[in-house]
Protein backbone atom coordinates (compact mmCIF):
# COMPACT_ATOMS: atom_id res chain seq x y z
CA UNK A 1 -52.50 -85.66 -29.22
CA UNK A 2 -49.63 -83.79 -27.70
CA UNK A 3 -46.07 -84.53 -28.85
CA UNK A 4 -44.38 -86.93 -26.40
CA UNK A 5 -41.15 -84.97 -26.61
CA UNK A 6 -42.79 -81.70 -25.67
CA UNK A 7 -41.83 -80.52 -22.23
CA UNK A 8 -39.02 -83.10 -22.01
CA UNK A 9 -37.18 -83.61 -18.75
CA UNK A 10 -33.86 -81.74 -18.45
CA UNK A 11 -31.30 -83.22 -16.09
CA UNK A 12 -28.72 -80.97 -14.35
CA UNK A 13 -25.43 -82.35 -13.04
CA UNK A 14 -23.73 -80.69 -10.04
CA UNK A 15 -19.99 -80.06 -10.34
CA UNK A 16 -17.70 -81.26 -7.61
CA UNK A 17 -17.24 -78.55 -5.09
CA UNK A 18 -13.44 -79.00 -4.96
CA UNK A 19 -10.80 -81.42 -5.92
CA UNK A 20 -9.48 -83.81 -3.29
CA UNK A 21 -6.97 -82.04 -1.06
CA UNK A 22 -7.41 -78.70 -2.86
CA UNK A 23 -8.76 -75.35 -1.76
CA UNK A 24 -5.85 -74.30 0.58
CA UNK A 25 -3.10 -73.31 -1.87
CA UNK A 26 -4.18 -69.67 -1.79
CA UNK A 27 -3.84 -69.63 2.00
CA UNK A 28 -0.16 -70.62 1.78
CA UNK A 29 0.53 -67.92 -0.81
CA UNK A 30 -1.35 -65.36 1.27
CA UNK A 31 0.63 -66.33 4.39
CA UNK A 32 3.93 -65.90 2.53
CA UNK A 33 2.77 -62.52 1.26
CA UNK A 34 1.86 -61.30 4.76
CA UNK A 35 5.20 -62.53 6.17
CA UNK A 36 7.07 -60.66 3.43
CA UNK A 37 5.08 -57.48 4.11
CA UNK A 38 5.81 -57.71 7.85
CA UNK A 39 9.52 -58.10 7.16
CA UNK A 40 9.40 -55.18 4.73
CA UNK A 41 7.74 -52.83 7.24
CA UNK A 42 10.19 -53.96 9.96
CA UNK A 43 13.12 -52.99 7.72
CA UNK A 44 11.45 -49.64 6.93
CA UNK A 45 10.96 -49.00 10.65
CA UNK A 46 14.61 -49.79 11.42
CA UNK A 47 15.78 -47.43 8.69
CA UNK A 48 13.54 -44.63 9.96
CA UNK A 49 14.40 -45.16 13.65
CA UNK A 50 18.21 -45.30 13.38
CA UNK A 51 21.01 -43.08 12.22
CA UNK A 52 23.77 -44.07 9.78
CA UNK A 53 26.15 -45.27 12.50
CA UNK A 54 23.49 -47.41 14.19
CA UNK A 55 22.46 -48.94 10.87
CA UNK A 56 26.07 -49.89 10.22
CA UNK A 57 26.24 -51.54 13.66
CA UNK A 58 23.04 -53.50 13.02
CA UNK A 59 24.22 -54.53 9.56
CA UNK A 60 27.52 -55.83 10.93
CA UNK A 61 25.75 -57.64 13.76
CA UNK A 62 23.36 -59.53 11.48
CA UNK A 63 26.10 -60.23 8.91
CA UNK A 64 28.44 -61.83 11.45
CA UNK A 65 26.64 -62.21 14.82
CA UNK A 66 29.17 -64.68 16.19
CA UNK A 67 32.03 -62.15 16.08
CA UNK A 68 30.19 -59.06 17.34
CA UNK A 69 27.88 -57.94 20.09
CA UNK A 70 25.66 -54.92 20.51
CA UNK A 71 26.56 -52.75 23.45
CA UNK A 72 25.39 -49.57 25.08
CA UNK A 73 28.42 -47.69 26.29
CA UNK A 74 30.78 -50.42 27.49
CA UNK A 75 28.18 -52.83 28.90
CA UNK A 76 25.93 -55.39 27.25
CA UNK A 77 22.36 -54.35 26.49
CA UNK A 78 19.80 -56.19 28.64
CA UNK A 79 18.47 -59.28 26.89
CA UNK A 80 14.77 -58.39 26.52
CA UNK A 81 14.18 -59.55 22.99
CA UNK A 82 14.38 -56.03 21.49
CA UNK A 83 17.17 -53.66 20.56
CA UNK A 84 17.38 -50.32 22.33
CA UNK A 85 17.25 -48.35 19.07
CA UNK A 86 16.63 -45.09 20.89
CA UNK A 87 20.06 -45.24 22.50
CA UNK A 88 22.47 -42.77 20.94
CA UNK A 89 25.43 -44.74 22.36
CA UNK A 90 24.69 -47.97 20.48
CA UNK A 91 28.12 -49.28 19.54
CA UNK A 92 29.74 -52.39 18.14
CA UNK A 93 32.18 -54.43 20.17
CA UNK A 94 34.39 -56.92 18.40
CA UNK A 95 35.12 -60.08 20.32
CA UNK A 96 38.81 -60.86 20.34
CA UNK A 97 39.26 -64.53 19.52
CA UNK A 98 41.11 -66.73 21.95
CA UNK A 99 44.67 -67.63 21.06
CA UNK A 100 44.39 -71.24 19.87
CA UNK A 101 47.03 -73.81 20.64
CA UNK A 102 49.03 -74.41 17.44
CA UNK A 103 48.52 -77.84 15.93
CA UNK A 104 52.00 -77.98 14.41
CA UNK A 105 53.79 -81.06 15.80
CA UNK A 106 57.34 -79.79 15.52
CA UNK A 107 59.17 -76.69 14.42
CA UNK A 108 60.58 -78.26 11.24
CA UNK A 109 57.12 -79.12 9.96
CA UNK A 110 56.17 -75.46 9.96
CA UNK A 111 57.85 -75.16 6.58
CA UNK A 112 55.94 -78.15 5.23
CA UNK A 113 53.49 -77.80 2.39
CA UNK A 114 49.99 -76.81 3.46
CA UNK A 115 51.04 -75.10 6.69
CA UNK A 116 52.22 -71.83 5.18
CA UNK A 117 49.59 -69.15 5.89
CA UNK A 118 47.68 -67.72 2.93
CA UNK A 119 48.96 -64.27 3.88
CA UNK A 120 52.53 -65.47 3.26
CA UNK A 121 51.62 -67.21 0.02
CA UNK A 122 49.88 -64.12 -1.34
CA UNK A 123 52.34 -61.55 -0.01
CA UNK A 124 54.29 -61.16 -3.25
CA UNK A 125 57.63 -59.40 -3.15
CA UNK A 126 59.65 -62.48 -4.05
CA UNK A 127 61.23 -65.29 -2.08
CA UNK A 128 63.01 -62.96 0.36
CA UNK A 129 59.81 -61.36 1.64
CA UNK A 130 58.02 -64.70 1.90
CA UNK A 131 60.93 -66.18 3.84
CA UNK A 132 60.86 -63.22 6.23
CA UNK A 133 57.14 -63.63 6.87
CA UNK A 134 57.55 -67.39 7.21
CA UNK A 135 60.18 -66.85 9.91
CA UNK A 136 57.75 -64.58 11.77
CA UNK A 137 55.04 -67.22 11.47
CA UNK A 138 57.43 -69.80 12.95
CA UNK A 139 58.22 -67.36 15.79
CA UNK A 140 54.50 -66.88 16.47
CA UNK A 141 54.00 -70.64 16.77
CA UNK A 142 56.94 -70.90 19.19
CA UNK A 143 55.57 -68.05 21.30
CA UNK A 144 52.13 -69.61 21.53
CA UNK A 145 53.61 -72.96 22.50
CA UNK A 146 55.79 -71.36 25.18
CA UNK A 147 52.83 -69.55 26.73
CA UNK A 148 50.67 -72.68 26.74
CA UNK A 149 53.45 -74.68 28.36
CA UNK A 150 53.15 -72.43 31.42
CA UNK A 151 49.95 -73.64 33.07
CA UNK A 152 49.83 -70.59 35.31
CA UNK A 153 49.42 -68.41 32.20
CA UNK A 154 46.55 -70.37 30.61
CA UNK A 155 43.93 -68.27 32.38
CA UNK A 156 45.33 -65.18 30.65
CA UNK A 157 45.12 -66.56 27.10
CA UNK A 158 42.03 -64.44 26.32
CA UNK A 159 44.15 -61.34 26.92
CA UNK A 160 46.78 -62.22 24.32
CA UNK A 161 46.41 -61.93 20.56
CA UNK A 162 49.02 -62.49 17.86
CA UNK A 163 48.78 -61.69 14.17
CA UNK A 164 51.07 -61.37 11.18
CA UNK A 165 50.68 -58.20 9.12
CA UNK A 166 52.67 -56.48 6.40
CA UNK A 167 54.49 -54.66 9.21
CA UNK A 168 55.52 -57.84 10.99
CA UNK A 169 54.38 -59.94 13.94
CA UNK A 170 52.09 -58.04 16.32
CA UNK A 171 51.78 -59.35 19.89
CA UNK A 172 48.90 -57.62 21.70
CA UNK A 173 48.45 -57.92 25.47
CA UNK A 174 45.36 -56.11 26.71
CA UNK A 175 43.43 -55.48 29.91
CA UNK A 176 40.25 -57.04 31.13
CA UNK A 177 38.08 -55.16 33.61
CA UNK A 178 38.98 -57.48 36.47
CA UNK A 179 42.54 -58.19 35.34
CA UNK A 180 44.58 -55.10 34.37
CA UNK A 181 48.20 -55.29 33.19
CA UNK A 182 49.21 -52.29 35.29
CA UNK A 183 48.22 -50.88 38.63
CA UNK A 184 45.54 -48.19 38.06
CA UNK A 185 47.01 -44.88 36.92
CA UNK A 186 50.59 -46.17 37.02
CA UNK A 187 53.23 -47.90 34.90
CA UNK A 188 53.83 -50.63 37.50
CA UNK A 189 53.42 -54.04 35.84
CA UNK A 190 51.22 -56.57 37.58
CA UNK A 191 52.94 -59.94 38.34
CA UNK A 192 51.06 -61.89 35.65
CA UNK A 193 51.98 -59.26 33.02
CA UNK A 194 55.63 -59.68 33.96
CA UNK A 195 55.35 -63.45 33.55
CA UNK A 196 53.89 -63.08 30.04
CA UNK A 197 56.60 -60.61 29.01
CA UNK A 198 59.30 -62.89 30.45
CA UNK A 199 58.11 -65.80 28.31
CA UNK A 200 57.99 -63.56 25.23
CA UNK A 201 61.50 -62.27 25.94
CA UNK A 202 62.82 -65.84 25.94
CA UNK A 203 61.86 -66.17 22.26
CA UNK A 204 62.77 -62.64 21.14
CA UNK A 205 66.28 -62.44 22.56
CA UNK A 206 67.84 -64.74 19.97
CA UNK A 207 66.47 -63.16 16.77
CA UNK A 208 67.80 -60.12 14.93
CA UNK A 209 64.50 -58.38 14.05
CA UNK A 210 63.94 -54.86 15.29
CA UNK A 211 61.22 -54.39 17.91
CA UNK A 212 58.72 -51.57 18.44
CA UNK A 213 56.80 -51.21 21.73
CA UNK A 214 53.46 -49.38 21.68
CA UNK A 215 51.49 -48.21 24.70
CA UNK A 216 47.75 -47.49 24.46
CA UNK A 217 45.11 -46.28 26.95
CA UNK A 218 41.32 -46.09 26.89
CA UNK A 219 39.51 -42.77 26.52
CA UNK A 220 38.98 -42.27 30.26
CA UNK A 221 40.76 -39.01 30.88
CA UNK A 222 43.63 -39.45 33.30
CA UNK A 223 44.90 -36.11 34.48
CA UNK A 224 47.19 -35.65 37.45
CA UNK A 225 48.73 -32.23 37.22
CA UNK A 226 50.67 -32.24 33.95
CA UNK A 227 50.58 -36.06 33.78
CA UNK A 228 48.09 -37.23 31.08
CA UNK A 229 47.18 -40.31 29.04
CA UNK A 230 50.05 -39.49 26.70
CA UNK A 231 52.54 -39.76 29.55
CA UNK A 232 50.84 -42.86 30.97
CA UNK A 233 50.85 -44.77 27.65
CA UNK A 234 54.51 -43.89 27.00
CA UNK A 235 55.60 -44.90 30.50
CA UNK A 236 53.76 -48.22 30.24
CA UNK A 237 55.37 -48.98 26.89
CA UNK A 238 58.76 -48.23 28.44
CA UNK A 239 57.98 -50.50 31.40
CA UNK A 240 57.32 -53.35 28.96
CA UNK A 241 60.59 -52.55 27.19
CA UNK A 242 62.52 -52.65 30.47
CA UNK A 243 60.99 -56.02 31.38
CA UNK A 244 61.93 -57.53 28.01
CA UNK A 245 65.45 -56.12 28.27
CA UNK A 246 65.85 -57.42 31.81
CA UNK A 247 65.10 -60.90 30.45
CA UNK A 248 67.72 -60.92 27.73
CA UNK A 249 66.48 -58.82 24.79
CA UNK A 250 69.41 -56.50 23.85
CA UNK A 251 68.80 -52.76 24.11
CA UNK A 252 69.94 -52.24 20.49
CA UNK A 253 67.05 -54.36 19.26
CA UNK A 254 64.44 -51.76 20.22
CA UNK A 255 63.89 -49.29 17.41
CA UNK A 256 61.22 -47.20 19.18
CA UNK A 257 59.01 -46.98 22.26
CA UNK A 258 55.81 -45.08 21.54
CA UNK A 259 52.82 -43.89 23.56
CA UNK A 260 49.60 -43.34 21.59
CA UNK A 261 47.30 -42.45 24.53
CA UNK A 262 43.70 -43.13 23.39
CA UNK A 263 44.16 -42.09 19.75
CA UNK A 264 44.13 -45.62 18.30
CA UNK A 265 41.28 -47.69 19.79
CA UNK A 266 40.87 -51.28 18.65
CA UNK A 267 38.68 -51.39 15.51
CA UNK A 268 34.99 -51.81 16.28
CA UNK A 269 35.29 -51.09 20.01
CA UNK A 270 34.09 -48.29 22.24
CA UNK A 271 37.05 -45.99 23.08
CA UNK A 272 36.32 -46.50 26.79
CA UNK A 273 36.49 -50.31 26.61
CA UNK A 274 39.14 -51.95 28.78
CA UNK A 275 40.51 -53.77 25.72
CA UNK A 276 42.00 -50.48 24.56
CA UNK A 277 44.35 -50.45 27.54
CA UNK A 278 47.04 -52.53 25.91
CA UNK A 279 50.71 -53.04 25.10
CA UNK A 280 51.63 -53.98 21.52
CA UNK A 281 54.99 -55.58 20.71
CA UNK A 282 55.78 -55.37 17.00
CA UNK A 283 58.50 -57.67 15.69
CA UNK A 284 59.47 -56.01 12.39
CA UNK A 285 60.08 -57.87 9.15
CA UNK A 286 63.69 -58.15 8.14
């Protein structure tokens, strides 16, 4: 009689094919990997397709896109979703911020705690230097208030910039393509430029700081016989000086009137940009 256990039945259990909700984790990891590889090859392509200057422009643009724009020559690149990397004239244009209306309620509060600019706090050089810079800061606030009180000048606020540096208070008035300070190729001030200088003179005539006037042009070559950009920038600076003096600023207050032609373009701009046609009034530190 055959053994009952011989040829016993063997049962096989099937494993679950996958856990609930599983099976797709590798797809996420693979997708991340492919995205990283695409970004890597895009960076490699940009490095290979650009020169050092263009890479610096792109780096600055992506680091601070709100303050810069990519331009070709002096005009904006067409918005087509791609950069014109092949352009040899790819440049960086810095947007000049608008002159904000000061929030200081009255002149006395300027010296209050918390309103002193960091530049003044960190200037060093003792109390005397800090006081000098603080006085310039107070002057800057007064100038901005005076300009904003003239409603007819509000439309020109984007053409005025003020800043305090180690040198002193710099007041920059620059051209826009459709609104130049001077008649083309001349030192004749336009009416709105006179109005701005008249307001500035009202605040400068009662202080004892020395004043420097700088004239600057763009790189467009102006040549009329022996008359060049050097002559034009110097004559325009002198026109600004005459306008300030006619409105009460004493002649002895001007320490120099200088024409720089196109040798000192605004940082980050194309030399041909209209912003480089400008007058700079420097109120020196005492």
